[in-house]
Amino acid sequence: MSFFISVYIKFFFIMTPFFVVSMFLSMTSNLDDAHRKKIALKVTTAIIATSLILLFFGQYIFDLFGITLDAFKIGAGALLFLTAIDLMKKDVNEKVDCPTDISKHTIVPLAIPITVGPGTIGALLVMGGEMTTFKLMSLGSSALICSILSIGAMLYLSSSIKKIVGVTGLIVLSKITALVLAALSAQLIFTGIKNFLGL
């Protein structure tokens, strides 16, 4: 159960939920609430499909390119750290240029790279490589799906969330997420270096 909770929390924050909500609201500002909820469901489905593919086939990618898990941890940690810095600097009020028919953009850019960015992709590949048993893979994939569904619920209720916390609240939560991401990235890098050096 502790593994399930750990994976759930890790991926919930790695996918920068509060920034995703703010960007989603920005991109769907011209839509009514009913249409926005339909888009939220499509985005959530796209994120689940993308994430599970990366999780299950990460090991094959390592084998194909001859990359060790520890080397990838260091690389993924570096990307995740850059994501944290980018999130800290970004303005949640930033306007996103997109065509009127936003439904065509549920995968790109709403699912990828706004939600599943480089840091998330790296973490998914690392996590997939670490899950060496069926039990771990089942628990890990279930926790991942639950974290995505939580973000999906936030997108579905994004209009209500904005009314409750306001724009300032979204900014604060987004910056806190950036700090958590920075800590997770440091842990990935330190673990990769430690294992690589056999310490």
N, C-alpha and C. Protein backbone atom coordinates (compact mmCIF):
# COMPACT_ATOMS: atom_id res chain seq x y z
N MET A 1 0.82 -1.21 0.00
CA MET A 1 0.00 0.00 0.00
C MET A 1 0.86 1.26 0.00
N SER A 2 1.99 1.21 0.73
CA SER A 2 2.88 2.37 0.77
C SER A 2 3.48 2.65 -0.61
N PHE A 3 3.75 1.57 -1.37
CA PHE A 3 4.27 1.74 -2.74
C PHE A 3 3.23 2.40 -3.62
N PHE A 4 1.98 1.98 -3.48
CA PHE A 4 0.88 2.55 -4.25
C PHE A 4 0.75 4.05 -3.96
N ILE A 5 0.75 4.40 -2.68
CA ILE A 5 0.60 5.80 -2.29
C ILE A 5 1.78 6.63 -2.77
N SER A 6 2.98 6.06 -2.65
CA SER A 6 4.19 6.75 -3.09
C SER A 6 4.16 7.07 -4.57
N VAL A 7 3.79 6.07 -5.38
CA VAL A 7 3.70 6.28 -6.83
C VAL A 7 2.60 7.28 -7.17
N TYR A 8 1.48 7.17 -6.47
CA TYR A 8 0.35 8.08 -6.71
C TYR A 8 0.77 9.54 -6.49
N ILE A 9 1.36 9.80 -5.34
CA ILE A 9 1.76 11.17 -4.99
C ILE A 9 2.84 11.67 -5.94
N LYS A 10 3.80 10.80 -6.25
CA LYS A 10 4.91 11.20 -7.13
C LYS A 10 4.39 11.66 -8.49
N PHE A 11 3.56 10.85 -9.12
CA PHE A 11 3.09 11.20 -10.46
C PHE A 11 2.05 12.32 -10.45
N PHE A 12 1.32 12.45 -9.35
CA PHE A 12 0.37 13.55 -9.25
C PHE A 12 1.10 14.88 -9.34
N PHE A 13 2.22 14.99 -8.63
CA PHE A 13 2.98 16.24 -8.64
C PHE A 13 3.84 16.39 -9.90
N ILE A 14 4.38 15.27 -10.41
CA ILE A 14 5.21 15.34 -11.61
C ILE A 14 4.42 15.89 -12.79
N MET A 15 3.12 15.59 -12.83
CA MET A 15 2.29 16.07 -13.94
C MET A 15 1.78 17.50 -13.74
N THR A 16 2.34 18.20 -12.74
CA THR A 16 2.05 19.61 -12.46
C THR A 16 0.56 19.95 -12.60
N PRO A 17 -0.27 19.35 -11.73
CA PRO A 17 -1.73 19.47 -11.88
C PRO A 17 -2.28 20.89 -11.88
N PHE A 18 -1.74 21.76 -11.02
CA PHE A 18 -2.32 23.10 -10.90
C PHE A 18 -1.95 23.96 -12.11
N PHE A 19 -0.76 23.76 -12.63
CA PHE A 19 -0.39 24.47 -13.85
C PHE A 19 -1.23 23.96 -15.02
N VAL A 20 -1.44 22.65 -15.06
CA VAL A 20 -2.25 22.05 -16.12
C VAL A 20 -3.67 22.62 -16.08
N VAL A 21 -4.23 22.75 -14.88
CA VAL A 21 -5.57 23.31 -14.75
C VAL A 21 -5.61 24.75 -15.27
N SER A 22 -4.60 25.54 -14.90
CA SER A 22 -4.59 26.94 -15.34
C SER A 22 -4.45 27.04 -16.85
N MET A 23 -3.61 26.19 -17.46
CA MET A 23 -3.45 26.20 -18.91
C MET A 23 -4.72 25.70 -19.60
N PHE A 24 -5.35 24.71 -19.01
CA PHE A 24 -6.60 24.17 -19.55
C PHE A 24 -7.69 25.25 -19.56
N LEU A 25 -7.78 25.99 -18.46
CA LEU A 25 -8.76 27.07 -18.38
C LEU A 25 -8.47 28.15 -19.42
N SER A 26 -7.18 28.42 -19.62
CA SER A 26 -6.79 29.44 -20.61
C SER A 26 -7.16 29.01 -22.02
N MET A 27 -6.90 27.74 -22.34
CA MET A 27 -7.15 27.24 -23.69
C MET A 27 -8.62 27.03 -23.98
N THR A 28 -9.42 26.87 -22.93
CA THR A 28 -10.85 26.61 -23.13
C THR A 28 -11.71 27.80 -22.67
N SER A 29 -11.08 28.97 -22.61
CA SER A 29 -11.78 30.15 -22.07
C SER A 29 -13.02 30.53 -22.87
N ASN A 30 -13.03 30.19 -24.16
CA ASN A 30 -14.17 30.57 -25.01
C ASN A 30 -15.28 29.51 -25.05
N LEU A 31 -15.09 28.44 -24.28
CA LEU A 31 -16.07 27.34 -24.30
C LEU A 31 -17.01 27.43 -23.11
N ASP A 32 -18.21 26.85 -23.28
CA ASP A 32 -19.11 26.78 -22.13
C ASP A 32 -18.69 25.61 -21.25
N ASP A 33 -19.26 25.53 -20.06
CA ASP A 33 -18.84 24.54 -19.07
C ASP A 33 -19.06 23.10 -19.55
N ALA A 34 -20.15 22.85 -20.25
CA ALA A 34 -20.46 21.50 -20.73
C ALA A 34 -19.41 21.03 -21.75
N HIS A 35 -19.06 21.91 -22.68
CA HIS A 35 -18.05 21.56 -23.68
C HIS A 35 -16.69 21.39 -23.04
N ARG A 36 -16.39 22.22 -22.05
CA ARG A 36 -15.11 22.13 -21.34
C ARG A 36 -14.98 20.77 -20.64
N LYS A 37 -16.09 20.27 -20.09
CA LYS A 37 -16.06 18.98 -19.41
C LYS A 37 -15.82 17.83 -20.40
N LYS A 38 -16.38 17.95 -21.60
CA LYS A 38 -16.15 16.93 -22.63
C LYS A 38 -14.68 16.89 -23.03
N ILE A 39 -14.08 18.07 -23.17
CA ILE A 39 -12.66 18.16 -23.52
C ILE A 39 -11.81 17.56 -22.39
N ALA A 40 -12.21 17.82 -21.14
CA ALA A 40 -11.48 17.28 -19.98
C ALA A 40 -11.45 15.76 -20.01
N LEU A 41 -12.56 15.14 -20.38
CA LEU A 41 -12.63 13.67 -20.46
C LEU A 41 -11.71 13.15 -21.56
N LYS A 42 -11.69 13.83 -22.71
CA LYS A 42 -10.82 13.41 -23.82
C LYS A 42 -9.35 13.56 -23.45
N VAL A 43 -9.01 14.65 -22.79
CA VAL A 43 -7.62 14.87 -22.38
C VAL A 43 -7.18 13.80 -21.39
N THR A 44 -8.04 13.48 -20.43
CA THR A 44 -7.72 12.47 -19.42
C THR A 44 -7.48 11.11 -20.07
N THR A 45 -8.31 10.73 -21.04
CA THR A 45 -8.14 9.46 -21.76
C THR A 45 -6.82 9.44 -22.51
N ALA A 46 -6.48 10.55 -23.15
CA ALA A 46 -5.23 10.64 -23.91
C ALA A 46 -4.02 10.53 -22.99
N ILE A 47 -4.10 11.14 -21.80
CA ILE A 47 -2.99 11.08 -20.84
C ILE A 47 -2.80 9.65 -20.33
N ILE A 48 -3.91 8.96 -20.03
CA ILE A 48 -3.82 7.58 -19.54
C ILE A 48 -3.16 6.69 -20.59
N ALA A 49 -3.62 6.79 -21.83
CA ALA A 49 -3.08 5.95 -22.91
C ALA A 49 -1.59 6.21 -23.11
N THR A 50 -1.21 7.47 -23.17
CA THR A 50 0.20 7.84 -23.38
C THR A 50 1.08 7.35 -22.24
N SER A 51 0.62 7.58 -21.02
CA SER A 51 1.42 7.22 -19.83
C SER A 51 1.61 5.72 -19.71
N LEU A 52 0.56 4.95 -19.96
CA LEU A 52 0.68 3.49 -19.84
C LEU A 52 1.61 2.90 -20.90
N ILE A 53 1.58 3.46 -22.10
CA ILE A 53 2.50 3.00 -23.15
C ILE A 53 3.94 3.23 -22.72
N LEU A 54 4.22 4.42 -22.18
CA LEU A 54 5.58 4.74 -21.73
C LEU A 54 5.99 3.87 -20.55
N LEU A 55 5.05 3.61 -19.64
CA LEU A 55 5.34 2.82 -18.45
C LEU A 55 5.67 1.37 -18.81
N PHE A 56 4.85 0.76 -19.68
CA PHE A 56 5.01 -0.65 -20.01
C PHE A 56 6.16 -0.94 -20.97
N PHE A 57 6.47 0.01 -21.84
CA PHE A 57 7.49 -0.25 -22.86
C PHE A 57 8.81 0.48 -22.60
N GLY A 58 8.94 1.08 -21.40
CA GLY A 58 10.17 1.78 -21.06
C GLY A 58 11.39 0.88 -21.10
N GLN A 59 11.27 -0.35 -20.59
CA GLN A 59 12.41 -1.27 -20.54
C GLN A 59 12.90 -1.63 -21.93
N TYR A 60 11.98 -1.76 -22.87
CA TYR A 60 12.37 -2.07 -24.25
C TYR A 60 13.15 -0.92 -24.88
N ILE A 61 12.79 0.30 -24.49
CA ILE A 61 13.51 1.47 -24.98
C ILE A 61 14.94 1.47 -24.43
N PHE A 62 15.08 1.12 -23.14
CA PHE A 62 16.42 1.02 -22.55
C PHE A 62 17.27 -0.01 -23.29
N ASP A 63 16.68 -1.18 -23.52
CA ASP A 63 17.40 -2.26 -24.19
C ASP A 63 17.77 -1.89 -25.62
N LEU A 64 16.86 -1.21 -26.31
CA LEU A 64 17.09 -0.83 -27.70
C LEU A 64 18.28 0.10 -27.85
N PHE A 65 18.39 1.07 -26.95
CA PHE A 65 19.45 2.06 -27.05
C PHE A 65 20.64 1.78 -26.13
N GLY A 66 20.57 0.68 -25.38
CA GLY A 66 21.68 0.31 -24.50
C GLY A 66 21.88 1.29 -23.35
N ILE A 67 20.77 1.83 -22.85
CA ILE A 67 20.84 2.81 -21.76
C ILE A 67 20.59 2.09 -20.43
N THR A 68 21.43 2.39 -19.43
CA THR A 68 21.21 1.81 -18.11
C THR A 68 20.15 2.62 -17.36
N LEU A 69 19.49 1.97 -16.42
CA LEU A 69 18.44 2.63 -15.65
C LEU A 69 19.00 3.79 -14.84
N ASP A 70 20.21 3.61 -14.28
CA ASP A 70 20.82 4.67 -13.47
C ASP A 70 21.16 5.89 -14.31
N ALA A 71 21.66 5.66 -15.53
CA ALA A 71 21.97 6.78 -16.42
C ALA A 71 20.70 7.55 -16.77
N PHE A 72 19.62 6.80 -16.98
CA PHE A 72 18.36 7.45 -17.33
C PHE A 72 17.78 8.21 -16.14
N LYS A 73 18.02 7.70 -14.93
CA LYS A 73 17.55 8.42 -13.74
C LYS A 73 18.19 9.80 -13.66
N ILE A 74 19.49 9.84 -13.94
CA ILE A 74 20.22 11.11 -13.90
C ILE A 74 19.67 12.06 -14.97
N GLY A 75 19.48 11.53 -16.19
CA GLY A 75 18.95 12.35 -17.28
C GLY A 75 17.54 12.82 -17.01
N ALA A 76 16.69 11.90 -16.53
CA ALA A 76 15.29 12.25 -16.24
C ALA A 76 15.21 13.26 -15.10
N GLY A 77 16.09 13.09 -14.11
CA GLY A 77 16.13 14.03 -13.00
C GLY A 77 16.49 15.43 -13.46
N ALA A 78 17.46 15.49 -14.38
CA ALA A 78 17.87 16.80 -14.93
C ALA A 78 16.73 17.46 -15.68
N LEU A 79 16.01 16.67 -16.50
CA LEU A 79 14.86 17.21 -17.25
C LEU A 79 13.75 17.66 -16.30
N LEU A 80 13.54 16.86 -15.25
CA LEU A 80 12.49 17.20 -14.29
C LEU A 80 12.83 18.49 -13.55
N PHE A 81 14.13 18.68 -13.29
CA PHE A 81 14.57 19.91 -12.62
C PHE A 81 14.33 21.12 -13.52
N LEU A 82 14.62 20.96 -14.81
CA LEU A 82 14.36 22.04 -15.77
C LEU A 82 12.86 22.35 -15.85
N THR A 83 12.04 21.29 -15.76
CA THR A 83 10.59 21.47 -15.75
C THR A 83 10.17 22.29 -14.54
N ALA A 84 10.79 21.98 -13.38
CA ALA A 84 10.48 22.70 -12.15
C ALA A 84 10.84 24.18 -12.28
N ILE A 85 12.01 24.46 -12.86
CA ILE A 85 12.44 25.85 -13.06
C ILE A 85 11.48 26.57 -14.00
N ASP A 86 11.12 25.87 -15.09
CA ASP A 86 10.21 26.46 -16.07
C ASP A 86 8.85 26.76 -15.44
N LEU A 87 8.38 25.84 -14.61
CA LEU A 87 7.09 26.02 -13.93
C LEU A 87 7.15 27.19 -12.96
N MET A 88 8.28 27.35 -12.30
CA MET A 88 8.45 28.45 -11.34
C MET A 88 8.41 29.80 -12.06
N LYS A 89 8.93 29.82 -13.29
CA LYS A 89 9.02 31.09 -14.04
C LYS A 89 7.76 31.40 -14.83
N LYS A 90 6.98 30.37 -15.18
CA LYS A 90 5.82 30.57 -16.05
C LYS A 90 4.70 31.33 -15.37
N ASP A 91 3.95 32.02 -16.21
CA ASP A 91 2.80 32.78 -15.75
C ASP A 91 1.55 31.95 -16.02
N VAL A 92 0.80 31.66 -14.96
CA VAL A 92 -0.40 30.83 -15.14
C VAL A 92 -1.49 31.57 -15.92
N ASN A 93 -1.32 32.86 -16.08
CA ASN A 93 -2.28 33.64 -16.86
C ASN A 93 -1.89 33.72 -18.33
N GLU A 94 -0.82 33.03 -18.69
CA GLU A 94 -0.32 33.06 -20.06
C GLU A 94 -1.40 32.60 -21.04
N LYS A 95 -1.56 33.36 -22.09
CA LYS A 95 -2.55 33.01 -23.10
C LYS A 95 -1.92 32.07 -24.12
N VAL A 96 -2.63 31.01 -24.45
CA VAL A 96 -2.14 30.02 -25.40
C VAL A 96 -2.84 30.23 -26.73
N ASP A 97 -2.04 30.38 -27.80
CA ASP A 97 -2.62 30.55 -29.13
C ASP A 97 -3.06 29.20 -29.65
N CYS A 98 -4.31 29.08 -30.01
CA CYS A 98 -4.81 27.82 -30.53
C CYS A 98 -6.04 28.09 -31.39
N PRO A 99 -6.32 27.22 -32.33
CA PRO A 99 -7.52 27.39 -33.15
C PRO A 99 -8.78 27.30 -32.31
N THR A 100 -9.88 27.77 -32.87
CA THR A 100 -11.15 27.76 -32.15
C THR A 100 -11.57 26.36 -31.75
N ASP A 101 -11.36 25.39 -32.66
CA ASP A 101 -11.76 24.01 -32.37
C ASP A 101 -10.72 23.35 -31.48
N ILE A 102 -10.81 23.58 -30.19
CA ILE A 102 -9.83 23.08 -29.23
C ILE A 102 -9.88 21.56 -29.11
N SER A 103 -10.98 20.91 -29.51
CA SER A 103 -11.11 19.46 -29.41
C SER A 103 -10.04 18.74 -30.23
N LYS A 104 -9.52 19.43 -31.26
CA LYS A 104 -8.46 18.83 -32.07
C LYS A 104 -7.12 18.82 -31.34
N HIS A 105 -7.05 19.51 -30.21
CA HIS A 105 -5.78 19.67 -29.50
C HIS A 105 -5.79 18.99 -28.14
N THR A 106 -6.62 17.95 -28.02
CA THR A 106 -6.67 17.24 -26.74
C THR A 106 -5.39 16.45 -26.48
N ILE A 107 -4.75 15.96 -27.55
CA ILE A 107 -3.51 15.21 -27.38
C ILE A 107 -2.31 16.16 -27.38
N VAL A 108 -2.22 16.99 -28.42
CA VAL A 108 -1.16 17.99 -28.50
C VAL A 108 -1.84 19.35 -28.63
N PRO A 109 -1.61 20.29 -27.70
CA PRO A 109 -0.62 20.23 -26.61
C PRO A 109 -1.18 19.90 -25.23
N LEU A 110 -2.50 19.71 -25.07
CA LEU A 110 -3.05 19.54 -23.72
C LEU A 110 -2.51 18.29 -23.00
N ALA A 111 -2.51 17.15 -23.69
CA ALA A 111 -1.98 15.93 -23.05
C ALA A 111 -0.46 15.93 -23.10
N ILE A 112 0.09 16.17 -24.31
CA ILE A 112 1.55 16.25 -24.50
C ILE A 112 1.84 17.56 -25.22
N PRO A 113 2.68 18.45 -24.73
CA PRO A 113 3.56 18.28 -23.56
C PRO A 113 3.10 19.01 -22.30
N ILE A 114 1.89 19.61 -22.30
CA ILE A 114 1.49 20.38 -21.12
C ILE A 114 1.37 19.48 -19.88
N THR A 115 0.74 18.31 -20.01
CA THR A 115 0.61 17.41 -18.87
C THR A 115 1.75 16.40 -18.82
N VAL A 116 1.96 15.67 -19.92
CA VAL A 116 3.05 14.69 -19.99
C VAL A 116 4.22 15.34 -20.72
N GLY A 117 5.02 16.07 -19.96
CA GLY A 117 6.18 16.75 -20.52
C GLY A 117 7.42 15.88 -20.46
N PRO A 118 8.58 16.42 -20.83
CA PRO A 118 9.83 15.64 -20.83
C PRO A 118 10.16 15.02 -19.48
N GLY A 119 9.96 15.79 -18.40
CA GLY A 119 10.24 15.26 -17.07
C GLY A 119 9.34 14.10 -16.71
N THR A 120 8.06 14.20 -17.06
CA THR A 120 7.10 13.13 -16.79
C THR A 120 7.43 11.89 -17.60
N ILE A 121 7.79 12.08 -18.87
CA ILE A 121 8.17 10.96 -19.73
C ILE A 121 9.37 10.22 -19.15
N GLY A 122 10.37 10.99 -18.72
CA GLY A 122 11.55 10.38 -18.11
C GLY A 122 11.21 9.60 -16.86
N ALA A 123 10.37 10.18 -16.00
CA ALA A 123 9.97 9.50 -14.76
C ALA A 123 9.18 8.23 -15.05
N LEU A 124 8.33 8.26 -16.06
CA LEU A 124 7.55 7.08 -16.44
C LEU A 124 8.45 5.95 -16.94
N LEU A 125 9.45 6.30 -17.73
CA LEU A 125 10.38 5.29 -18.24
C LEU A 125 11.21 4.68 -17.11
N VAL A 126 11.64 5.54 -16.19
CA VAL A 126 12.41 5.05 -15.03
C VAL A 126 11.55 4.14 -14.18
N MET A 127 10.33 4.57 -13.88
CA MET A 127 9.43 3.78 -13.05
C MET A 127 9.13 2.43 -13.70
N GLY A 128 8.90 2.45 -15.01
CA GLY A 128 8.64 1.20 -15.73
C GLY A 128 9.82 0.26 -15.66
N GLY A 129 11.04 0.81 -15.72
CA GLY A 129 12.24 -0.02 -15.64
C GLY A 129 12.45 -0.61 -14.25
N GLU A 130 11.95 0.08 -13.23
CA GLU A 130 12.13 -0.39 -11.85
C GLU A 130 11.11 -1.45 -11.45
N MET A 131 9.99 -1.50 -12.14
CA MET A 131 8.93 -2.46 -11.80
C MET A 131 9.23 -3.80 -12.48
N THR A 132 9.92 -4.65 -11.76
CA THR A 132 10.40 -5.90 -12.33
C THR A 132 9.48 -7.10 -12.10
N THR A 133 8.44 -6.93 -11.29
CA THR A 133 7.51 -8.03 -11.03
C THR A 133 6.10 -7.63 -11.45
N PHE A 134 5.25 -8.63 -11.64
CA PHE A 134 3.87 -8.37 -12.04
C PHE A 134 3.12 -7.58 -10.95
N LYS A 135 3.41 -7.89 -9.68
CA LYS A 135 2.74 -7.21 -8.57
C LYS A 135 3.08 -5.73 -8.57
N LEU A 136 4.38 -5.43 -8.71
CA LEU A 136 4.81 -4.04 -8.72
C LEU A 136 4.23 -3.29 -9.92
N MET A 137 4.22 -3.94 -11.08
CA MET A 137 3.68 -3.30 -12.27
C MET A 137 2.19 -3.03 -12.12
N SER A 138 1.47 -3.98 -11.51
CA SER A 138 0.03 -3.81 -11.30
C SER A 138 -0.26 -2.65 -10.34
N LEU A 139 0.48 -2.63 -9.22
CA LEU A 139 0.30 -1.57 -8.25
C LEU A 139 0.70 -0.21 -8.83
N GLY A 140 1.85 -0.21 -9.53
CA GLY A 140 2.35 1.04 -10.10
C GLY A 140 1.43 1.61 -11.16
N SER A 141 0.96 0.75 -12.06
CA SER A 141 0.07 1.23 -13.13
C SER A 141 -1.27 1.68 -12.55
N SER A 142 -1.75 0.98 -11.51
CA SER A 142 -3.02 1.38 -10.86
C SER A 142 -2.87 2.74 -10.19
N ALA A 143 -1.74 2.94 -9.51
CA ALA A 143 -1.48 4.22 -8.84
C ALA A 143 -1.36 5.34 -9.87
N LEU A 144 -0.70 5.03 -10.99
CA LEU A 144 -0.55 6.02 -12.06
C LEU A 144 -1.91 6.43 -12.62
N ILE A 145 -2.75 5.44 -12.89
CA ILE A 145 -4.09 5.72 -13.42
C ILE A 145 -4.90 6.55 -12.43
N CYS A 146 -4.79 6.23 -11.14
CA CYS A 146 -5.51 6.98 -10.11
C CYS A 146 -5.04 8.44 -10.06
N SER A 147 -3.73 8.66 -10.19
CA SER A 147 -3.21 10.03 -10.17
C SER A 147 -3.70 10.80 -11.38
N ILE A 148 -3.74 10.14 -12.54
CA ILE A 148 -4.23 10.79 -13.76
C ILE A 148 -5.72 11.10 -13.64
N LEU A 149 -6.48 10.15 -13.07
CA LEU A 149 -7.92 10.38 -12.87
C LEU A 149 -8.17 11.55 -11.92
N SER A 150 -7.28 11.71 -10.92
CA SER A 150 -7.40 12.85 -10.00
C SER A 150 -7.20 14.16 -10.75
N ILE A 151 -6.20 14.17 -11.64
CA ILE A 151 -5.96 15.37 -12.45
C ILE A 151 -7.12 15.59 -13.42
N GLY A 152 -7.64 14.48 -13.98
CA GLY A 152 -8.79 14.57 -14.86
C GLY A 152 -10.00 15.16 -14.15
N ALA A 153 -10.18 14.76 -12.89
CA ALA A 153 -11.29 15.32 -12.10
C ALA A 153 -11.10 16.81 -11.88
N MET A 154 -9.84 17.22 -11.69
CA MET A 154 -9.55 18.65 -11.53
C MET A 154 -9.87 19.42 -12.80
N LEU A 155 -9.54 18.82 -13.96
CA LEU A 155 -9.86 19.46 -15.23
C LEU A 155 -11.38 19.54 -15.42
N TYR A 156 -12.05 18.46 -15.06
CA TYR A 156 -13.50 18.39 -15.20
C TYR A 156 -14.19 19.47 -14.35
N LEU A 157 -13.61 19.71 -13.18
CA LEU A 157 -14.18 20.69 -12.25
C LEU A 157 -13.39 22.00 -12.25
N SER A 158 -12.62 22.24 -13.31
CA SER A 158 -11.72 23.38 -13.36
C SER A 158 -12.42 24.72 -13.13
N SER A 159 -13.62 24.86 -13.67
CA SER A 159 -14.37 26.12 -13.49
C SER A 159 -14.67 26.37 -12.01
N SER A 160 -15.05 25.31 -11.31
CA SER A 160 -15.35 25.43 -9.88
C SER A 160 -14.08 25.71 -9.08
N ILE A 161 -12.98 25.05 -9.47
CA ILE A 161 -11.70 25.26 -8.77
C ILE A 161 -11.25 26.70 -8.90
N LYS A 162 -11.40 27.26 -10.10
CA LYS A 162 -11.00 28.65 -10.31
C LYS A 162 -11.83 29.59 -9.43
N LYS A 163 -13.12 29.29 -9.29
CA LYS A 163 -13.99 30.13 -8.45
C LYS A 163 -13.58 30.04 -6.98
N ILE A 164 -13.15 28.83 -6.55
CA ILE A 164 -12.82 28.62 -5.14
C ILE A 164 -11.48 29.24 -4.76
N VAL A 165 -10.42 28.90 -5.53
CA VAL A 165 -9.06 29.35 -5.16
C VAL A 165 -8.67 30.65 -5.84
N GLY A 166 -9.32 30.97 -6.96
CA GLY A 166 -8.98 32.19 -7.68
C GLY A 166 -7.68 32.07 -8.44
N VAL A 167 -7.36 33.09 -9.20
CA VAL A 167 -6.12 33.09 -10.00
C VAL A 167 -4.90 33.08 -9.09
N THR A 168 -4.95 33.86 -8.01
CA THR A 168 -3.81 33.91 -7.07
C THR A 168 -3.57 32.55 -6.44
N GLY A 169 -4.64 31.86 -6.10
CA GLY A 169 -4.50 30.53 -5.51
C GLY A 169 -3.85 29.56 -6.47
N LEU A 170 -4.22 29.63 -7.75
CA LEU A 170 -3.60 28.77 -8.76
C LEU A 170 -2.11 29.06 -8.91
N ILE A 171 -1.75 30.33 -8.82
CA ILE A 171 -0.33 30.71 -8.91
C ILE A 171 0.46 30.11 -7.75
N VAL A 172 -0.08 30.27 -6.54
CA VAL A 172 0.60 29.75 -5.34
C VAL A 172 0.75 28.24 -5.41
N LEU A 173 -0.33 27.53 -5.76
CA LEU A 173 -0.28 26.07 -5.84
C LEU A 173 0.68 25.60 -6.93
N SER A 174 0.75 26.35 -8.03
CA SER A 174 1.65 26.01 -9.12
C SER A 174 3.10 26.13 -8.68
N LYS A 175 3.42 27.16 -7.88
CA LYS A 175 4.79 27.37 -7.40
C LYS A 175 5.18 26.31 -6.38
N ILE A 176 4.21 25.91 -5.55
CA ILE A 176 4.48 24.83 -4.58
C ILE A 176 4.78 23.53 -5.33
N THR A 177 4.01 23.28 -6.40
CA THR A 177 4.25 22.10 -7.23
C THR A 177 5.67 22.13 -7.80
N ALA A 178 6.14 23.31 -8.22
CA ALA A 178 7.49 23.45 -8.77
C ALA A 178 8.54 23.07 -7.73
N LEU A 179 8.33 23.45 -6.48
CA LEU A 179 9.28 23.11 -5.41
C LEU A 179 9.32 21.60 -5.17
N VAL A 180 8.15 20.98 -5.19
CA VAL A 180 8.09 19.52 -5.00
C VAL A 180 8.80 18.82 -6.16
N LEU A 181 8.59 19.31 -7.38
CA LEU A 181 9.25 18.74 -8.56
C LEU A 181 10.76 18.84 -8.44
N ALA A 182 11.25 19.98 -7.96
CA ALA A 182 12.69 20.18 -7.80
C ALA A 182 13.27 19.15 -6.82
N ALA A 183 12.55 18.89 -5.74
CA ALA A 183 13.00 17.90 -4.76
C ALA A 183 12.99 16.49 -5.36
N LEU A 184 11.93 16.15 -6.12
CA LEU A 184 11.86 14.84 -6.76
C LEU A 184 12.99 14.65 -7.77
N SER A 185 13.30 15.71 -8.51
CA SER A 185 14.37 15.63 -9.51
C SER A 185 15.73 15.42 -8.84
N ALA A 186 15.95 16.12 -7.73
CA ALA A 186 17.21 15.95 -6.99
C ALA A 186 17.35 14.53 -6.48
N GLN A 187 16.23 13.95 -5.98
CA GLN A 187 16.26 12.58 -5.48
C GLN A 187 16.59 11.60 -6.60
N LEU A 188 16.01 11.79 -7.78
CA LEU A 188 16.31 10.93 -8.93
C LEU A 188 17.78 10.99 -9.30
N ILE A 189 18.33 12.20 -9.36
CA ILE A 189 19.74 12.38 -9.74
C ILE A 189 20.66 11.75 -8.70
N PHE A 190 20.40 12.02 -7.42
CA PHE A 190 21.24 11.47 -6.36
C PHE A 190 21.20 9.94 -6.34
N THR A 191 20.00 9.37 -6.52
CA THR A 191 19.87 7.91 -6.54
C THR A 191 20.62 7.32 -7.73
N GLY A 192 20.50 7.95 -8.91
CA GLY A 192 21.20 7.47 -10.10
C GLY A 192 22.70 7.51 -9.92
N ILE A 193 23.23 8.60 -9.36
CA ILE A 193 24.68 8.73 -9.14
C ILE A 193 25.15 7.71 -8.11
N LYS A 194 24.37 7.57 -7.02
CA LYS A 194 24.74 6.62 -5.96
C LYS A 194 24.83 5.19 -6.49
N ASN A 195 23.82 4.77 -7.26
CA ASN A 195 23.82 3.42 -7.80
C ASN A 195 24.91 3.22 -8.85
N PHE A 196 25.12 4.25 -9.66
CA PHE A 196 26.15 4.17 -10.71
C PHE A 196 27.54 4.00 -10.11
N LEU A 197 27.77 4.68 -9.00
CA LEU A 197 29.09 4.60 -8.34
C LEU A 197 29.18 3.44 -7.37
N GLY A 198 28.05 2.75 -7.17
CA GLY A 198 28.03 1.58 -6.28
C GLY A 198 28.20 1.94 -4.82
N LEU A 199 27.70 3.10 -4.42
CA LEU A 199 27.83 3.57 -3.03
C LEU A 199 26.74 3.00 -2.14
